[in-house]
Structure formats: structure tokens, C-alpha cells
N, C-alpha and C. Protein backbone atom coordinates (compact mmCIF):
# COMPACT_ATOMS: atom_id res chain seq x y z
N UNK A 1 106.39 -4.76 36.03
CA UNK A 1 106.11 -4.60 37.45
C UNK A 1 106.09 -3.10 37.77
N UNK A 2 105.32 -2.73 38.74
CA UNK A 2 105.29 -1.34 39.19
C UNK A 2 105.06 -1.32 40.70
N UNK A 3 105.43 -0.21 41.31
CA UNK A 3 105.18 -0.07 42.73
C UNK A 3 103.67 -0.08 42.96
N UNK A 4 103.22 -0.70 44.05
CA UNK A 4 101.77 -0.75 44.32
C UNK A 4 101.17 0.65 44.44
N UNK A 5 99.92 0.77 44.04
CA UNK A 5 99.23 2.05 44.08
C UNK A 5 99.16 2.64 45.49
N UNK A 6 99.12 1.79 46.51
CA UNK A 6 98.99 2.29 47.87
C UNK A 6 100.34 2.55 48.55
N UNK A 7 101.44 2.54 47.79
CA UNK A 7 102.74 2.84 48.39
C UNK A 7 102.96 4.35 48.43
N UNK A 8 103.64 4.79 49.47
CA UNK A 8 103.99 6.20 49.65
C UNK A 8 105.49 6.31 49.89
N UNK A 9 106.12 7.36 49.39
CA UNK A 9 107.52 7.56 49.73
C UNK A 9 107.60 7.72 51.23
N UNK A 10 108.50 6.99 51.85
CA UNK A 10 108.56 6.94 53.31
C UNK A 10 108.79 8.32 53.93
N UNK A 11 109.55 9.17 53.27
CA UNK A 11 109.81 10.49 53.82
C UNK A 11 108.59 11.41 53.72
N UNK A 12 107.64 11.08 52.84
CA UNK A 12 106.41 11.87 52.70
C UNK A 12 105.27 11.35 53.55
N UNK A 13 105.38 10.12 54.00
CA UNK A 13 104.32 9.49 54.79
C UNK A 13 104.37 10.06 56.21
N UNK A 14 103.26 10.64 56.65
CA UNK A 14 103.21 11.29 57.97
C UNK A 14 102.57 10.41 59.05
N UNK A 15 102.29 9.17 58.71
CA UNK A 15 101.64 8.29 59.68
C UNK A 15 102.59 7.89 60.81
N UNK A 16 102.01 7.44 61.90
CA UNK A 16 102.81 6.95 63.03
C UNK A 16 103.64 5.74 62.61
N UNK A 17 103.08 4.86 61.78
CA UNK A 17 103.83 3.70 61.28
C UNK A 17 105.06 4.13 60.49
N UNK A 18 104.91 5.19 59.70
CA UNK A 18 106.05 5.70 58.93
C UNK A 18 107.12 6.26 59.85
N UNK A 19 106.70 6.95 60.90
CA UNK A 19 107.67 7.47 61.87
C UNK A 19 108.44 6.33 62.52
N UNK A 20 107.74 5.27 62.88
CA UNK A 20 108.37 4.09 63.47
C UNK A 20 109.34 3.45 62.47
N UNK A 21 108.93 3.35 61.20
CA UNK A 21 109.79 2.76 60.16
C UNK A 21 111.04 3.61 59.93
N UNK A 22 110.87 4.93 59.88
CA UNK A 22 112.05 5.81 59.71
C UNK A 22 113.00 5.67 60.90
N UNK A 23 112.44 5.62 62.10
CA UNK A 23 113.29 5.43 63.28
C UNK A 23 114.03 4.10 63.24
N UNK A 24 113.34 3.05 62.81
CA UNK A 24 113.97 1.73 62.67
C UNK A 24 115.11 1.79 61.66
N UNK A 25 114.86 2.39 60.50
CA UNK A 25 115.92 2.51 59.50
C UNK A 25 117.06 3.39 60.01
N UNK A 26 116.73 4.54 60.60
CA UNK A 26 117.76 5.48 61.07
C UNK A 26 118.59 4.93 62.22
N UNK A 27 117.93 4.37 63.23
CA UNK A 27 118.63 4.03 64.48
C UNK A 27 118.99 2.56 64.63
N UNK A 28 118.19 1.67 64.05
CA UNK A 28 118.51 0.23 64.13
C UNK A 28 119.38 -0.20 62.96
N UNK A 29 119.05 0.28 61.76
CA UNK A 29 119.76 -0.15 60.55
C UNK A 29 120.83 0.85 60.10
N UNK A 30 120.87 2.03 60.71
CA UNK A 30 121.85 3.08 60.38
C UNK A 30 121.74 3.52 58.91
N UNK A 31 120.51 3.66 58.45
CA UNK A 31 120.21 4.14 57.10
C UNK A 31 119.56 5.51 57.27
N UNK A 32 120.25 6.55 56.81
CA UNK A 32 119.76 7.92 57.03
C UNK A 32 118.70 8.31 56.00
N UNK A 33 118.10 9.49 56.22
CA UNK A 33 117.03 9.95 55.34
C UNK A 33 117.51 10.19 53.91
N UNK A 34 118.77 10.61 53.73
CA UNK A 34 119.29 10.80 52.38
C UNK A 34 119.31 9.47 51.62
N UNK A 35 119.65 8.39 52.32
CA UNK A 35 119.64 7.07 51.67
C UNK A 35 118.22 6.56 51.46
N UNK A 36 117.32 6.89 52.38
CA UNK A 36 115.90 6.53 52.17
C UNK A 36 115.42 7.17 50.88
N UNK A 37 115.82 8.42 50.65
CA UNK A 37 115.44 9.10 49.41
C UNK A 37 116.18 8.52 48.21
N UNK A 38 117.49 8.31 48.33
CA UNK A 38 118.30 7.79 47.22
C UNK A 38 117.77 6.45 46.71
N UNK A 39 117.38 5.57 47.63
CA UNK A 39 116.90 4.24 47.25
C UNK A 39 115.38 4.17 47.12
N UNK A 40 114.71 5.33 47.19
CA UNK A 40 113.27 5.45 46.96
C UNK A 40 112.46 4.51 47.85
N UNK A 41 112.85 4.42 49.11
CA UNK A 41 112.17 3.53 50.04
C UNK A 41 110.77 4.06 50.32
N UNK A 42 109.80 3.18 50.21
CA UNK A 42 108.39 3.53 50.38
C UNK A 42 107.80 2.80 51.57
N UNK A 43 106.58 3.17 51.89
CA UNK A 43 105.80 2.47 52.90
C UNK A 43 104.55 1.91 52.23
N UNK A 44 104.04 0.83 52.80
CA UNK A 44 102.86 0.19 52.22
C UNK A 44 102.19 -0.68 53.28
N UNK A 45 100.88 -0.78 53.21
CA UNK A 45 100.16 -1.77 54.00
C UNK A 45 100.04 -3.01 53.13
N UNK A 46 100.80 -4.03 53.47
CA UNK A 46 100.87 -5.26 52.69
C UNK A 46 99.72 -6.19 53.09
N UNK A 47 98.98 -6.75 52.13
CA UNK A 47 97.83 -7.61 52.46
C UNK A 47 98.21 -8.73 53.42
N UNK A 48 97.42 -8.92 54.42
CA UNK A 48 97.54 -10.00 55.40
C UNK A 48 98.79 -9.92 56.29
N UNK A 49 99.64 -8.93 56.09
CA UNK A 49 100.85 -8.81 56.92
C UNK A 49 100.84 -7.51 57.70
N UNK A 50 100.46 -6.43 57.04
CA UNK A 50 100.43 -5.14 57.70
C UNK A 50 101.46 -4.18 57.13
N UNK A 51 101.89 -3.26 57.96
CA UNK A 51 102.77 -2.18 57.52
C UNK A 51 104.16 -2.72 57.18
N UNK A 52 104.67 -2.32 56.01
CA UNK A 52 105.99 -2.76 55.52
C UNK A 52 106.69 -1.58 54.87
N UNK A 53 108.02 -1.68 54.77
CA UNK A 53 108.74 -0.78 53.88
C UNK A 53 108.88 -1.52 52.55
N UNK A 54 108.96 -0.77 51.47
CA UNK A 54 109.09 -1.35 50.14
C UNK A 54 110.27 -0.68 49.43
N UNK A 55 111.20 -1.49 48.96
CA UNK A 55 112.38 -0.97 48.27
C UNK A 55 112.33 -1.45 46.82
N UNK A 56 112.23 -0.51 45.87
CA UNK A 56 112.21 -0.93 44.46
C UNK A 56 113.57 -1.48 44.05
N UNK A 57 113.55 -2.53 43.25
CA UNK A 57 114.78 -3.15 42.75
C UNK A 57 114.84 -2.90 41.25
N UNK A 58 115.81 -2.08 40.86
CA UNK A 58 116.02 -1.76 39.45
C UNK A 58 117.18 -2.59 38.92
N UNK A 59 117.07 -3.02 37.69
CA UNK A 59 118.15 -3.73 37.02
C UNK A 59 118.12 -3.32 35.56
N UNK A 60 119.26 -2.83 35.09
CA UNK A 60 119.38 -2.32 33.74
C UNK A 60 118.28 -1.30 33.46
N UNK A 61 118.14 -0.39 34.42
CA UNK A 61 117.23 0.77 34.37
C UNK A 61 115.74 0.41 34.38
N UNK A 62 115.39 -0.83 34.71
CA UNK A 62 113.98 -1.21 34.78
C UNK A 62 113.65 -1.70 36.18
N UNK A 63 112.46 -1.35 36.64
CA UNK A 63 111.96 -1.89 37.90
C UNK A 63 111.61 -3.36 37.67
N UNK A 64 112.33 -4.27 38.34
CA UNK A 64 112.13 -5.69 38.10
C UNK A 64 111.58 -6.44 39.31
N UNK A 65 111.65 -5.83 40.48
CA UNK A 65 111.12 -6.48 41.68
C UNK A 65 110.99 -5.45 42.78
N UNK A 66 110.46 -5.89 43.90
CA UNK A 66 110.29 -5.04 45.08
C UNK A 66 110.64 -5.88 46.30
N UNK A 67 111.41 -5.31 47.21
CA UNK A 67 111.73 -5.97 48.47
C UNK A 67 110.86 -5.36 49.55
N UNK A 68 110.11 -6.20 50.26
CA UNK A 68 109.25 -5.75 51.35
C UNK A 68 109.84 -6.24 52.67
N UNK A 69 109.83 -5.38 53.68
CA UNK A 69 110.33 -5.77 55.00
C UNK A 69 109.52 -5.09 56.09
N UNK A 70 109.19 -5.85 57.12
CA UNK A 70 108.57 -5.26 58.31
C UNK A 70 109.65 -4.47 59.03
N UNK A 71 109.35 -3.25 59.43
CA UNK A 71 110.37 -2.40 60.06
C UNK A 71 110.55 -2.70 61.55
N UNK A 72 110.90 -3.96 61.83
CA UNK A 72 111.24 -4.39 63.18
C UNK A 72 112.36 -5.42 63.08
N UNK A 73 113.16 -5.54 64.12
CA UNK A 73 114.23 -6.54 64.13
C UNK A 73 113.62 -7.92 63.97
N UNK A 74 114.14 -8.68 63.00
CA UNK A 74 113.65 -10.02 62.75
C UNK A 74 112.31 -10.07 62.03
N UNK A 75 111.85 -8.93 61.50
CA UNK A 75 110.56 -8.88 60.81
C UNK A 75 110.55 -9.67 59.51
N UNK A 76 109.35 -9.93 59.03
CA UNK A 76 109.18 -10.66 57.77
C UNK A 76 109.77 -9.90 56.60
N UNK A 77 110.25 -10.66 55.62
CA UNK A 77 110.76 -10.08 54.38
C UNK A 77 110.10 -10.85 53.24
N UNK A 78 109.76 -10.13 52.17
CA UNK A 78 109.04 -10.73 51.06
C UNK A 78 109.49 -10.13 49.72
N UNK A 79 109.34 -10.93 48.67
CA UNK A 79 109.47 -10.49 47.28
C UNK A 79 108.21 -10.95 46.56
N UNK A 80 107.78 -10.25 45.52
CA UNK A 80 106.61 -10.73 44.76
C UNK A 80 106.92 -12.07 44.08
N UNK A 81 105.88 -12.86 43.86
CA UNK A 81 106.06 -14.13 43.13
C UNK A 81 106.66 -13.84 41.77
N UNK A 82 107.58 -14.70 41.36
CA UNK A 82 108.21 -14.56 40.06
C UNK A 82 109.35 -13.56 40.02
N UNK A 83 109.77 -13.08 41.18
CA UNK A 83 110.89 -12.13 41.20
C UNK A 83 112.17 -12.81 40.70
N UNK A 84 112.99 -12.08 39.96
CA UNK A 84 114.16 -12.67 39.32
C UNK A 84 115.44 -12.64 40.16
N UNK A 85 115.37 -12.86 41.47
CA UNK A 85 116.54 -12.69 42.32
C UNK A 85 117.77 -13.46 41.84
N UNK A 86 117.64 -14.66 41.36
CA UNK A 86 118.79 -15.44 40.92
C UNK A 86 119.42 -14.96 39.63
N UNK A 87 118.80 -13.98 38.98
CA UNK A 87 119.30 -13.50 37.68
C UNK A 87 119.76 -12.05 37.71
N UNK A 88 119.55 -11.37 38.84
CA UNK A 88 119.88 -9.96 38.94
C UNK A 88 120.66 -9.70 40.22
N UNK A 89 121.16 -8.50 40.35
CA UNK A 89 121.84 -8.06 41.58
C UNK A 89 121.26 -6.71 41.98
N UNK A 90 120.93 -6.57 43.26
CA UNK A 90 120.43 -5.29 43.75
C UNK A 90 121.53 -4.24 43.64
N UNK A 91 121.20 -3.09 43.09
CA UNK A 91 122.08 -1.92 42.96
C UNK A 91 123.17 -2.12 41.91
N UNK A 92 122.98 -3.05 41.00
CA UNK A 92 123.95 -3.32 39.94
C UNK A 92 124.21 -2.09 39.09
N UNK A 93 123.15 -1.38 38.71
CA UNK A 93 123.31 -0.24 37.81
C UNK A 93 124.22 0.82 38.40
N UNK A 94 124.03 1.16 39.68
CA UNK A 94 124.88 2.18 40.31
C UNK A 94 126.32 1.71 40.42
N UNK A 95 126.50 0.44 40.79
CA UNK A 95 127.86 -0.09 40.90
C UNK A 95 128.54 -0.15 39.54
N UNK A 96 127.79 -0.46 38.50
CA UNK A 96 128.34 -0.50 37.16
C UNK A 96 128.90 0.87 36.76
N UNK A 97 128.20 1.92 37.11
CA UNK A 97 128.67 3.29 36.82
C UNK A 97 129.95 3.57 37.60
N UNK A 98 130.02 3.13 38.85
CA UNK A 98 131.20 3.35 39.71
C UNK A 98 132.36 2.44 39.34
N UNK A 99 132.09 1.33 38.63
CA UNK A 99 133.10 0.35 38.21
C UNK A 99 133.70 -0.43 39.38
N UNK A 100 133.01 -0.46 40.52
CA UNK A 100 133.47 -1.23 41.67
C UNK A 100 132.26 -1.51 42.56
N UNK A 101 132.45 -2.43 43.50
CA UNK A 101 131.34 -2.80 44.38
C UNK A 101 131.87 -3.60 45.57
N UNK A 102 131.02 -3.69 46.59
CA UNK A 102 131.17 -4.67 47.66
C UNK A 102 129.90 -5.52 47.62
N UNK A 103 130.07 -6.84 47.47
CA UNK A 103 128.93 -7.76 47.42
C UNK A 103 128.53 -8.14 48.83
N UNK A 104 127.23 -8.10 49.06
CA UNK A 104 126.66 -8.47 50.35
C UNK A 104 125.45 -9.34 50.11
N UNK A 105 125.00 -10.02 51.17
CA UNK A 105 123.81 -10.85 51.04
C UNK A 105 122.53 -10.02 51.06
N UNK A 106 122.44 -9.07 51.95
CA UNK A 106 121.20 -8.37 52.24
C UNK A 106 121.10 -7.01 51.56
N UNK A 107 119.93 -6.70 51.05
CA UNK A 107 119.66 -5.38 50.48
C UNK A 107 119.85 -4.30 51.54
N UNK A 108 119.28 -4.51 52.73
CA UNK A 108 119.40 -3.50 53.78
C UNK A 108 120.85 -3.30 54.21
N UNK A 109 121.65 -4.37 54.23
CA UNK A 109 123.07 -4.24 54.56
C UNK A 109 123.81 -3.44 53.48
N UNK A 110 123.48 -3.69 52.22
CA UNK A 110 124.12 -2.95 51.12
C UNK A 110 123.80 -1.46 51.22
N UNK A 111 122.56 -1.13 51.51
CA UNK A 111 122.18 0.28 51.65
C UNK A 111 122.89 0.89 52.86
N UNK A 112 122.98 0.14 53.95
CA UNK A 112 123.64 0.64 55.17
C UNK A 112 125.10 0.97 54.91
N UNK A 113 125.85 0.07 54.30
CA UNK A 113 127.28 0.31 54.06
C UNK A 113 127.48 1.47 53.09
N UNK A 114 126.63 1.55 52.07
CA UNK A 114 126.68 2.70 51.15
C UNK A 114 126.42 3.99 51.92
N UNK A 115 125.41 3.97 52.79
CA UNK A 115 125.04 5.15 53.57
C UNK A 115 126.17 5.59 54.49
N UNK A 116 126.78 4.65 55.20
CA UNK A 116 127.81 4.99 56.19
C UNK A 116 129.16 5.36 55.57
N UNK A 117 129.51 4.70 54.47
CA UNK A 117 130.86 4.86 53.93
C UNK A 117 130.92 5.36 52.49
N UNK A 118 129.78 5.47 51.83
CA UNK A 118 129.78 5.92 50.45
C UNK A 118 130.34 4.90 49.47
N UNK A 119 130.42 3.65 49.90
CA UNK A 119 130.94 2.59 49.03
C UNK A 119 129.80 1.98 48.23
N UNK A 120 129.97 1.83 46.92
CA UNK A 120 128.91 1.20 46.13
C UNK A 120 128.81 -0.28 46.50
N UNK A 121 127.61 -0.70 46.86
CA UNK A 121 127.38 -2.08 47.31
C UNK A 121 126.27 -2.72 46.50
N UNK A 122 126.42 -4.02 46.28
CA UNK A 122 125.38 -4.82 45.64
C UNK A 122 124.93 -5.89 46.61
N UNK A 123 123.74 -6.42 46.36
CA UNK A 123 123.24 -7.56 47.12
C UNK A 123 122.86 -8.65 46.13
N UNK A 124 123.25 -9.88 46.51
CA UNK A 124 122.85 -11.04 45.71
C UNK A 124 121.64 -11.74 46.33
N UNK A 125 121.05 -11.14 47.38
CA UNK A 125 119.83 -11.57 48.04
C UNK A 125 120.00 -12.78 48.95
N UNK A 126 121.15 -13.46 48.93
CA UNK A 126 121.37 -14.68 49.69
C UNK A 126 122.87 -14.96 49.71
N UNK A 127 123.31 -15.97 50.45
CA UNK A 127 124.72 -16.34 50.41
C UNK A 127 125.02 -17.26 49.24
N UNK A 128 124.02 -17.68 48.52
CA UNK A 128 124.17 -18.63 47.41
C UNK A 128 124.11 -17.89 46.08
N UNK A 129 125.14 -17.10 45.77
CA UNK A 129 125.16 -16.35 44.52
C UNK A 129 125.12 -17.33 43.34
N UNK A 130 124.29 -17.03 42.37
CA UNK A 130 124.08 -17.95 41.25
C UNK A 130 125.12 -17.73 40.14
N UNK A 131 125.19 -18.68 39.22
CA UNK A 131 126.10 -18.54 38.09
C UNK A 131 125.68 -17.38 37.19
N UNK A 132 124.39 -17.11 37.07
CA UNK A 132 123.93 -15.97 36.27
C UNK A 132 124.34 -14.66 36.93
N UNK A 133 124.27 -14.60 38.25
CA UNK A 133 124.72 -13.39 38.96
C UNK A 133 126.24 -13.24 38.83
N UNK A 134 126.98 -14.32 38.96
CA UNK A 134 128.43 -14.26 38.82
C UNK A 134 128.83 -13.75 37.43
N UNK A 135 128.11 -14.18 36.40
CA UNK A 135 128.41 -13.73 35.04
C UNK A 135 128.28 -12.22 34.91
N UNK A 136 127.40 -11.61 35.68
CA UNK A 136 127.24 -10.15 35.63
C UNK A 136 128.48 -9.42 36.15
N UNK A 137 129.29 -10.11 36.91
CA UNK A 137 130.48 -9.49 37.50
C UNK A 137 131.65 -9.41 36.53
N UNK A 138 131.53 -10.02 35.36
CA UNK A 138 132.59 -9.95 34.35
C UNK A 138 132.94 -8.52 33.96
N UNK A 139 131.99 -7.62 34.11
CA UNK A 139 132.19 -6.22 33.71
C UNK A 139 133.08 -5.45 34.68
N UNK A 140 133.40 -6.03 35.81
CA UNK A 140 134.16 -5.33 36.85
C UNK A 140 135.59 -5.86 36.91
N UNK A 141 136.54 -4.96 37.16
CA UNK A 141 137.94 -5.38 37.31
C UNK A 141 138.35 -5.45 38.77
N UNK A 142 137.56 -4.86 39.66
CA UNK A 142 137.84 -4.89 41.09
C UNK A 142 136.58 -5.34 41.81
N UNK A 143 136.77 -6.24 42.77
CA UNK A 143 135.64 -6.86 43.45
C UNK A 143 135.82 -6.75 44.96
N UNK A 144 134.71 -6.63 45.68
CA UNK A 144 134.73 -6.66 47.13
C UNK A 144 133.65 -7.58 47.64
N UNK A 145 133.93 -8.25 48.75
CA UNK A 145 132.95 -9.16 49.36
C UNK A 145 132.92 -8.88 50.86
N UNK A 146 131.72 -8.69 51.40
CA UNK A 146 131.54 -8.57 52.85
C UNK A 146 130.53 -9.65 53.27
N UNK A 147 131.05 -10.83 53.69
CA UNK A 147 130.14 -11.92 54.05
C UNK A 147 129.51 -11.71 55.42
N UNK A 148 128.33 -12.29 55.60
CA UNK A 148 127.73 -12.38 56.92
C UNK A 148 128.55 -13.41 57.70
N UNK A 149 128.89 -13.10 58.93
CA UNK A 149 129.64 -14.06 59.75
C UNK A 149 128.82 -14.48 60.97
N UNK A 150 127.50 -14.52 60.78
CA UNK A 150 126.61 -14.90 61.87
C UNK A 150 126.23 -16.37 61.83
N UNK A 151 126.89 -17.14 60.98
CA UNK A 151 126.63 -18.57 60.88
C UNK A 151 127.58 -19.21 59.89
N UNK A 152 127.51 -20.50 59.74
CA UNK A 152 128.43 -21.22 58.86
C UNK A 152 128.22 -20.88 57.39
N UNK A 153 127.02 -20.50 57.01
CA UNK A 153 126.71 -20.26 55.59
C UNK A 153 127.33 -18.99 55.04
N UNK A 154 127.79 -18.07 55.87
CA UNK A 154 128.37 -16.83 55.39
C UNK A 154 129.54 -17.03 54.47
N UNK A 155 130.32 -18.08 54.69
CA UNK A 155 131.47 -18.32 53.84
C UNK A 155 131.09 -18.77 52.44
N UNK A 156 129.85 -19.26 52.26
CA UNK A 156 129.43 -19.70 50.93
C UNK A 156 129.56 -18.59 49.89
N UNK A 157 129.24 -17.37 50.27
CA UNK A 157 129.37 -16.25 49.34
C UNK A 157 130.83 -16.10 48.90
N UNK A 158 131.75 -16.19 49.84
CA UNK A 158 133.18 -16.05 49.53
C UNK A 158 133.65 -17.22 48.67
N UNK A 159 133.32 -18.44 49.07
CA UNK A 159 133.82 -19.60 48.33
C UNK A 159 133.22 -19.72 46.93
N UNK A 160 132.05 -19.16 46.71
CA UNK A 160 131.47 -19.17 45.36
C UNK A 160 132.06 -18.06 44.49
N UNK A 161 132.37 -16.92 45.11
CA UNK A 161 132.84 -15.78 44.32
C UNK A 161 134.33 -15.83 43.98
N UNK A 162 135.17 -16.22 44.92
CA UNK A 162 136.63 -16.15 44.72
C UNK A 162 137.09 -16.91 43.48
N UNK A 163 136.66 -18.15 43.25
CA UNK A 163 137.13 -18.84 42.03
C UNK A 163 136.72 -18.12 40.75
N UNK A 164 135.63 -17.38 40.82
CA UNK A 164 135.13 -16.70 39.62
C UNK A 164 135.79 -15.33 39.42
N UNK A 165 135.89 -14.54 40.48
CA UNK A 165 136.39 -13.17 40.33
C UNK A 165 137.90 -13.07 40.47
N UNK A 166 138.54 -14.03 41.14
CA UNK A 166 139.99 -14.10 41.17
C UNK A 166 140.68 -13.20 42.16
N UNK A 167 141.92 -12.87 41.80
CA UNK A 167 142.83 -12.19 42.72
C UNK A 167 142.49 -10.74 42.99
N UNK A 168 141.78 -10.11 42.14
CA UNK A 168 141.49 -8.68 42.32
C UNK A 168 140.28 -8.47 43.23
N UNK A 169 140.31 -9.15 44.38
CA UNK A 169 139.17 -9.13 45.30
C UNK A 169 139.60 -8.66 46.69
N UNK A 170 138.80 -7.76 47.23
CA UNK A 170 138.97 -7.30 48.60
C UNK A 170 137.95 -8.01 49.46
N UNK A 171 138.39 -8.51 50.61
CA UNK A 171 137.47 -9.12 51.57
C UNK A 171 137.32 -8.18 52.75
N UNK A 172 136.09 -7.92 53.13
CA UNK A 172 135.77 -7.05 54.26
C UNK A 172 135.07 -7.91 55.30
N UNK A 173 135.65 -7.99 56.49
CA UNK A 173 135.11 -8.88 57.51
C UNK A 173 134.48 -8.11 58.65
N UNK A 174 133.31 -8.56 59.05
CA UNK A 174 132.65 -8.06 60.24
C UNK A 174 133.06 -9.00 61.38
N UNK A 175 132.83 -8.63 62.63
CA UNK A 175 133.17 -9.53 63.73
C UNK A 175 132.44 -10.87 63.61
N UNK A 176 133.11 -11.94 64.00
CA UNK A 176 132.51 -13.27 63.97
C UNK A 176 131.26 -13.27 64.86
N UNK A 177 130.22 -13.88 64.34
CA UNK A 177 128.95 -13.94 65.04
C UNK A 177 127.98 -12.84 64.62
N UNK A 178 128.41 -11.99 63.68
CA UNK A 178 127.55 -10.87 63.26
C UNK A 178 127.41 -10.85 61.74
N UNK A 179 126.37 -10.17 61.30
CA UNK A 179 126.28 -9.80 59.90
C UNK A 179 126.36 -8.28 59.85
N UNK A 180 126.59 -7.70 58.67
CA UNK A 180 126.76 -6.24 58.61
C UNK A 180 125.59 -5.46 59.22
N UNK A 181 124.39 -6.00 59.14
CA UNK A 181 123.24 -5.32 59.72
C UNK A 181 123.28 -5.23 61.23
N UNK A 182 124.00 -6.15 61.87
CA UNK A 182 124.12 -6.15 63.33
C UNK A 182 125.24 -5.24 63.83
N UNK A 183 126.10 -4.81 62.94
CA UNK A 183 127.32 -4.09 63.33
C UNK A 183 127.07 -2.59 63.48
N UNK A 184 127.83 -1.99 64.39
CA UNK A 184 127.85 -0.54 64.44
C UNK A 184 128.91 -0.04 63.47
N UNK A 185 129.01 1.24 63.29
CA UNK A 185 129.92 1.81 62.29
C UNK A 185 131.37 1.41 62.54
N UNK A 186 131.80 1.36 63.80
CA UNK A 186 133.19 1.00 64.12
C UNK A 186 133.50 -0.44 63.75
N UNK A 187 132.50 -1.34 63.84
CA UNK A 187 132.73 -2.75 63.54
C UNK A 187 132.78 -3.01 62.03
N UNK A 188 132.26 -2.09 61.25
CA UNK A 188 132.31 -2.24 59.81
C UNK A 188 133.63 -1.72 59.29
């Protein structure tokens, strides 16, 4: 897999759409320009959908997928067909180097918490972490989980991880009714 030919690094894109996307990331998602650069966030005109941000997903030093999102609240999110989400974790390589992590559902939430607090975060792409993803956590001796608390399904991430990772786990809670993406810095 490779980034599409028509993708541009978001910080280099001078279009009005790119300005809107940067503002959305900066002010709505609390992801600063340094993190846009760190995570190589790009812009792209996605067929039949329009302007999107594109975040490359690396696993074991290889580009294995791309996360696409419309830069608006509640916008569409997409992965290419055949993406290996159930077998990989977003930002695994960086967390492996740090030897610690906070697990989150959303890629954008993981980038946000890393940006605001400098904590290495991973995303399992959903609240239903798979057994293959759990097996990847064997390499870590300390674990963190920040579940979405905007619905009943947020606890699924906790209840699936705790029996596997055990006592050496930190739980980070956002206010009930919110997910990390909805929270301001004080609520995180």
C-alpha cells in the first residue's frame, strides 16, 4: 500500500480546504501542527466523497493502511478495502519504543492525547479489540486504557483488555457521556 498520488502533506497544502482542515484539527480536535507533522497527516480529494484528511497507519515499520476522515464534526471516516485493522494497532511502533501506552478506540483521540500530554497512545480502531491485537500487548509490562464513555459500548474495551493484561493496568476516565475527542484538556 502507498499514500495516494494526489495526497499532500497538510502543512504544505495552501488550499482553503487545507486551512479549514488544519483549523478543525487545531481547534476542534486539539491536534497541533507539530502532531500533524509527526503523524504525517495529509490532505486528499477522495473519490465521490470530497476533501478528506489522510493519516498513514504504520505497523512494524511498514505502511499497512490509511485512515481517511472528513474534517468536520461527525464527518465520514474510511479505510481502504482489505485494511488489517483487526490484526494491527495504530501507533504500535512508537509505543513499543516507549515500552508503555494508553489504548484508545479512535486514531484521532490517540493523536490528541499524545499531542496534549506527550503520552504514547495506541488505537485499536474500535471498542472491540481482537485477540490478535491483544496478543501484541504481550510485549508491554505496563498498560493504560482510556475508554469512550459516550455510550454503553465503551466498557467493552476495558472488559476485553483487563483479563488479558492484568493488574499492571492504569484506567483513565473521561467524563460520563463523552469520548476523549469531545473532551477539553482539563477533562482529560
